[in-house]
């Protein structure tokens, strides 16, 4: 892509709304997950074990340094629902 094409110029001036929306969604999910864990008295390590994910990966998600995949969102939301049912 050329440096002076319309799309590159527009993105440079306005940012990429899709990326910004995805970033905000990931931060919202991380915040809600951390809040739910705290409300239920569940540690990050317990969540990691229950969804079979490396605890360091969970920490990166909750700190907003790593994006969630749809698969991971489903696994975590399922486990959070299980914690809510207890």
N, C-alpha and C. Protein backbone atom coordinates (compact mmCIF):
# COMPACT_ATOMS: atom_id res chain seq x y z
N UNK A 1 0.84 -1.17 0.00
CA UNK A 1 0.00 0.00 0.00
C UNK A 1 0.89 1.23 0.00
N UNK A 2 0.56 2.19 -0.81
CA UNK A 2 1.35 3.41 -0.88
C UNK A 2 1.11 4.27 0.36
N UNK A 3 2.15 5.02 0.74
CA UNK A 3 2.04 5.85 1.93
C UNK A 3 1.06 7.00 1.77
N UNK A 4 0.78 7.40 0.55
CA UNK A 4 -0.07 8.57 0.35
C UNK A 4 -1.45 8.22 -0.21
N UNK A 5 -1.86 6.96 -0.13
CA UNK A 5 -3.19 6.64 -0.62
C UNK A 5 -4.24 7.11 0.39
N UNK A 6 -5.47 7.27 -0.05
CA UNK A 6 -6.55 7.83 0.74
C UNK A 6 -6.77 7.06 2.05
N UNK A 7 -6.78 5.74 1.99
CA UNK A 7 -7.05 4.93 3.17
C UNK A 7 -5.96 5.12 4.22
N UNK A 8 -4.71 5.08 3.82
CA UNK A 8 -3.61 5.27 4.77
C UNK A 8 -3.68 6.63 5.43
N UNK A 9 -3.96 7.64 4.63
CA UNK A 9 -4.06 9.00 5.18
C UNK A 9 -5.22 9.09 6.18
N UNK A 10 -6.38 8.51 5.80
CA UNK A 10 -7.55 8.56 6.67
C UNK A 10 -7.27 7.83 7.98
N UNK A 11 -6.67 6.63 7.90
CA UNK A 11 -6.37 5.86 9.11
C UNK A 11 -5.38 6.59 10.00
N UNK A 12 -4.40 7.23 9.40
CA UNK A 12 -3.42 7.97 10.18
C UNK A 12 -4.08 9.14 10.91
N UNK A 13 -5.01 9.81 10.25
CA UNK A 13 -5.68 10.95 10.84
C UNK A 13 -6.76 10.55 11.85
N UNK A 14 -7.45 9.45 11.60
CA UNK A 14 -8.63 9.10 12.39
C UNK A 14 -8.48 7.84 13.24
N UNK A 15 -7.44 7.09 13.02
CA UNK A 15 -7.30 5.81 13.71
C UNK A 15 -8.19 4.77 13.05
N UNK A 16 -8.14 3.56 13.58
CA UNK A 16 -8.94 2.48 13.03
C UNK A 16 -10.05 2.17 14.03
N UNK A 17 -11.28 2.56 13.72
CA UNK A 17 -12.38 2.35 14.67
C UNK A 17 -12.59 0.89 15.04
N UNK A 18 -12.37 -0.02 14.12
CA UNK A 18 -12.57 -1.45 14.41
C UNK A 18 -11.56 -1.92 15.45
N UNK A 19 -10.32 -1.50 15.33
CA UNK A 19 -9.29 -1.89 16.29
C UNK A 19 -9.56 -1.24 17.64
N UNK A 20 -9.97 0.01 17.63
CA UNK A 20 -10.29 0.70 18.88
C UNK A 20 -11.48 0.04 19.58
N UNK A 21 -12.48 -0.36 18.81
CA UNK A 21 -13.65 -1.03 19.38
C UNK A 21 -13.26 -2.39 19.97
N UNK A 22 -12.45 -3.14 19.24
CA UNK A 22 -11.99 -4.44 19.73
C UNK A 22 -11.16 -4.29 21.00
N UNK A 23 -10.30 -3.30 21.02
CA UNK A 23 -9.48 -3.05 22.20
C UNK A 23 -10.35 -2.72 23.40
N UNK A 24 -11.35 -1.86 23.21
CA UNK A 24 -12.25 -1.50 24.31
C UNK A 24 -13.06 -2.70 24.77
N UNK A 25 -13.52 -3.52 23.83
CA UNK A 25 -14.27 -4.73 24.18
C UNK A 25 -13.41 -5.66 25.03
N UNK A 26 -12.17 -5.86 24.65
CA UNK A 26 -11.26 -6.71 25.43
C UNK A 26 -11.04 -6.16 26.83
N UNK A 27 -10.88 -4.85 26.95
CA UNK A 27 -10.69 -4.23 28.26
C UNK A 27 -11.95 -4.40 29.11
N UNK A 28 -13.12 -4.25 28.49
CA UNK A 28 -14.39 -4.43 29.21
C UNK A 28 -14.54 -5.87 29.71
N UNK A 29 -14.20 -6.83 28.86
CA UNK A 29 -14.28 -8.25 29.25
C UNK A 29 -13.31 -8.54 30.37
N UNK A 30 -12.09 -8.03 30.27
CA UNK A 30 -11.09 -8.24 31.32
C UNK A 30 -11.57 -7.65 32.64
N UNK A 31 -12.12 -6.45 32.59
CA UNK A 31 -12.60 -5.79 33.79
C UNK A 31 -13.75 -6.57 34.43
N UNK A 32 -14.70 -6.99 33.62
CA UNK A 32 -15.85 -7.75 34.12
C UNK A 32 -15.40 -9.10 34.69
N UNK A 33 -14.46 -9.73 34.04
CA UNK A 33 -13.94 -11.02 34.53
C UNK A 33 -13.26 -10.84 35.87
N UNK A 34 -12.40 -9.84 36.00
CA UNK A 34 -11.72 -9.59 37.27
C UNK A 34 -12.72 -9.27 38.37
N UNK A 35 -13.72 -8.48 38.04
CA UNK A 35 -14.76 -8.12 39.01
C UNK A 35 -15.53 -9.35 39.48
N UNK A 36 -15.90 -10.21 38.53
CA UNK A 36 -16.64 -11.42 38.88
C UNK A 36 -15.80 -12.36 39.72
N UNK A 37 -14.52 -12.51 39.37
CA UNK A 37 -13.63 -13.35 40.18
C UNK A 37 -13.56 -12.83 41.61
N UNK A 38 -13.41 -11.53 41.77
CA UNK A 38 -13.32 -10.93 43.10
C UNK A 38 -14.63 -11.14 43.87
N UNK A 39 -15.76 -10.93 43.19
CA UNK A 39 -17.07 -11.12 43.83
C UNK A 39 -17.27 -12.55 44.31
N UNK A 40 -16.74 -13.51 43.57
CA UNK A 40 -16.93 -14.93 43.89
C UNK A 40 -15.81 -15.49 44.77
N UNK A 41 -14.79 -14.67 45.01
CA UNK A 41 -13.68 -15.14 45.81
C UNK A 41 -12.83 -16.19 45.10
N UNK A 42 -12.73 -16.05 43.79
CA UNK A 42 -11.98 -17.01 42.97
C UNK A 42 -10.70 -16.34 42.50
N UNK A 43 -9.59 -17.03 42.60
CA UNK A 43 -8.31 -16.46 42.17
C UNK A 43 -8.11 -16.66 40.66
N UNK A 44 -7.19 -15.90 40.13
CA UNK A 44 -6.82 -16.06 38.71
C UNK A 44 -6.30 -17.47 38.46
N UNK A 45 -5.55 -18.00 39.40
CA UNK A 45 -5.01 -19.36 39.24
C UNK A 45 -6.13 -20.40 39.22
N UNK A 46 -7.14 -20.23 40.06
CA UNK A 46 -8.26 -21.17 40.06
C UNK A 46 -8.99 -21.14 38.71
N UNK A 47 -9.17 -19.94 38.17
CA UNK A 47 -9.79 -19.82 36.84
C UNK A 47 -8.93 -20.51 35.80
N UNK A 48 -7.62 -20.27 35.87
CA UNK A 48 -6.70 -20.87 34.90
C UNK A 48 -6.80 -22.39 34.92
N UNK A 49 -6.83 -22.96 36.10
CA UNK A 49 -6.93 -24.42 36.23
C UNK A 49 -8.27 -24.91 35.68
N UNK A 50 -9.35 -24.20 36.00
CA UNK A 50 -10.67 -24.67 35.60
C UNK A 50 -10.91 -24.59 34.09
N UNK A 51 -10.23 -23.68 33.40
CA UNK A 51 -10.38 -23.60 31.94
C UNK A 51 -9.15 -24.14 31.20
N UNK A 52 -8.22 -24.73 31.97
CA UNK A 52 -7.02 -25.35 31.42
C UNK A 52 -6.21 -24.39 30.55
N UNK A 53 -5.92 -23.23 31.14
CA UNK A 53 -5.12 -22.21 30.47
C UNK A 53 -4.00 -21.81 31.42
N UNK A 54 -2.84 -21.55 30.88
CA UNK A 54 -1.69 -21.12 31.67
C UNK A 54 -2.05 -19.90 32.51
N UNK A 55 -1.74 -19.89 33.80
CA UNK A 55 -2.06 -18.75 34.66
C UNK A 55 -1.46 -17.43 34.16
N UNK A 56 -0.28 -17.49 33.54
CA UNK A 56 0.32 -16.26 33.00
C UNK A 56 -0.53 -15.68 31.88
N UNK A 57 -1.16 -16.55 31.11
CA UNK A 57 -2.05 -16.10 30.04
C UNK A 57 -3.26 -15.38 30.62
N UNK A 58 -3.82 -15.93 31.68
CA UNK A 58 -4.95 -15.30 32.36
C UNK A 58 -4.54 -13.91 32.86
N UNK A 59 -3.37 -13.82 33.46
CA UNK A 59 -2.88 -12.52 33.96
C UNK A 59 -2.76 -11.51 32.82
N UNK A 60 -2.22 -11.94 31.67
CA UNK A 60 -2.08 -11.03 30.53
C UNK A 60 -3.45 -10.54 30.04
N UNK A 61 -4.43 -11.45 30.00
CA UNK A 61 -5.78 -11.03 29.59
C UNK A 61 -6.36 -10.01 30.55
N UNK A 62 -6.26 -10.31 31.84
CA UNK A 62 -6.87 -9.44 32.83
C UNK A 62 -6.17 -8.10 32.95
N UNK A 63 -4.92 -8.04 32.52
CA UNK A 63 -4.19 -6.77 32.52
C UNK A 63 -4.38 -6.01 31.21
N UNK A 64 -5.09 -6.62 30.26
CA UNK A 64 -5.34 -5.97 28.98
C UNK A 64 -4.17 -6.02 28.02
N UNK A 65 -3.22 -6.93 28.27
CA UNK A 65 -2.05 -7.03 27.40
C UNK A 65 -2.18 -8.12 26.35
N UNK A 66 -3.31 -8.80 26.33
CA UNK A 66 -3.51 -9.88 25.38
C UNK A 66 -4.99 -9.92 25.02
N UNK A 67 -5.29 -10.11 23.75
CA UNK A 67 -6.68 -10.14 23.31
C UNK A 67 -7.32 -11.49 23.56
N UNK A 68 -8.60 -11.45 23.86
CA UNK A 68 -9.39 -12.67 24.03
C UNK A 68 -9.81 -13.19 22.65
N UNK A 69 -9.81 -14.50 22.50
CA UNK A 69 -10.41 -15.10 21.31
C UNK A 69 -11.87 -15.41 21.65
N UNK A 70 -12.68 -15.64 20.66
CA UNK A 70 -14.07 -16.01 20.90
C UNK A 70 -14.14 -17.30 21.72
N UNK A 71 -13.29 -18.25 21.41
CA UNK A 71 -13.24 -19.52 22.13
C UNK A 71 -12.96 -19.28 23.62
N UNK A 72 -11.99 -18.42 23.90
CA UNK A 72 -11.62 -18.14 25.28
C UNK A 72 -12.74 -17.41 26.00
N UNK A 73 -13.38 -16.48 25.33
CA UNK A 73 -14.50 -15.76 25.94
C UNK A 73 -15.60 -16.75 26.33
N UNK A 74 -15.89 -17.70 25.45
CA UNK A 74 -16.91 -18.70 25.75
C UNK A 74 -16.50 -19.57 26.93
N UNK A 75 -15.25 -20.01 26.96
CA UNK A 75 -14.78 -20.85 28.06
C UNK A 75 -14.83 -20.11 29.39
N UNK A 76 -14.34 -18.88 29.39
CA UNK A 76 -14.32 -18.11 30.62
C UNK A 76 -15.74 -17.77 31.07
N UNK A 77 -16.59 -17.36 30.14
CA UNK A 77 -17.96 -17.02 30.54
C UNK A 77 -18.70 -18.24 31.07
N UNK A 78 -18.45 -19.39 30.49
CA UNK A 78 -19.06 -20.63 30.99
C UNK A 78 -18.59 -20.93 32.40
N UNK A 79 -17.32 -20.75 32.64
CA UNK A 79 -16.79 -21.03 33.98
C UNK A 79 -17.29 -19.98 34.97
N UNK A 80 -17.38 -18.72 34.57
CA UNK A 80 -17.89 -17.69 35.47
C UNK A 80 -19.35 -17.98 35.81
N UNK A 81 -20.12 -18.46 34.85
CA UNK A 81 -21.51 -18.84 35.12
C UNK A 81 -21.56 -20.00 36.11
N UNK A 82 -20.64 -20.93 36.00
CA UNK A 82 -20.58 -22.06 36.95
C UNK A 82 -20.26 -21.54 38.35
N UNK A 83 -19.35 -20.57 38.45
CA UNK A 83 -19.04 -19.99 39.76
C UNK A 83 -20.28 -19.28 40.34
N UNK A 84 -21.06 -18.64 39.48
CA UNK A 84 -22.25 -17.94 39.93
C UNK A 84 -23.31 -18.91 40.45
N UNK A 85 -23.34 -20.09 39.88
CA UNK A 85 -24.34 -21.08 40.27
C UNK A 85 -24.02 -21.72 41.62
N UNK A 86 -22.78 -21.61 42.05
CA UNK A 86 -22.37 -22.24 43.33
C UNK A 86 -22.86 -21.47 44.52
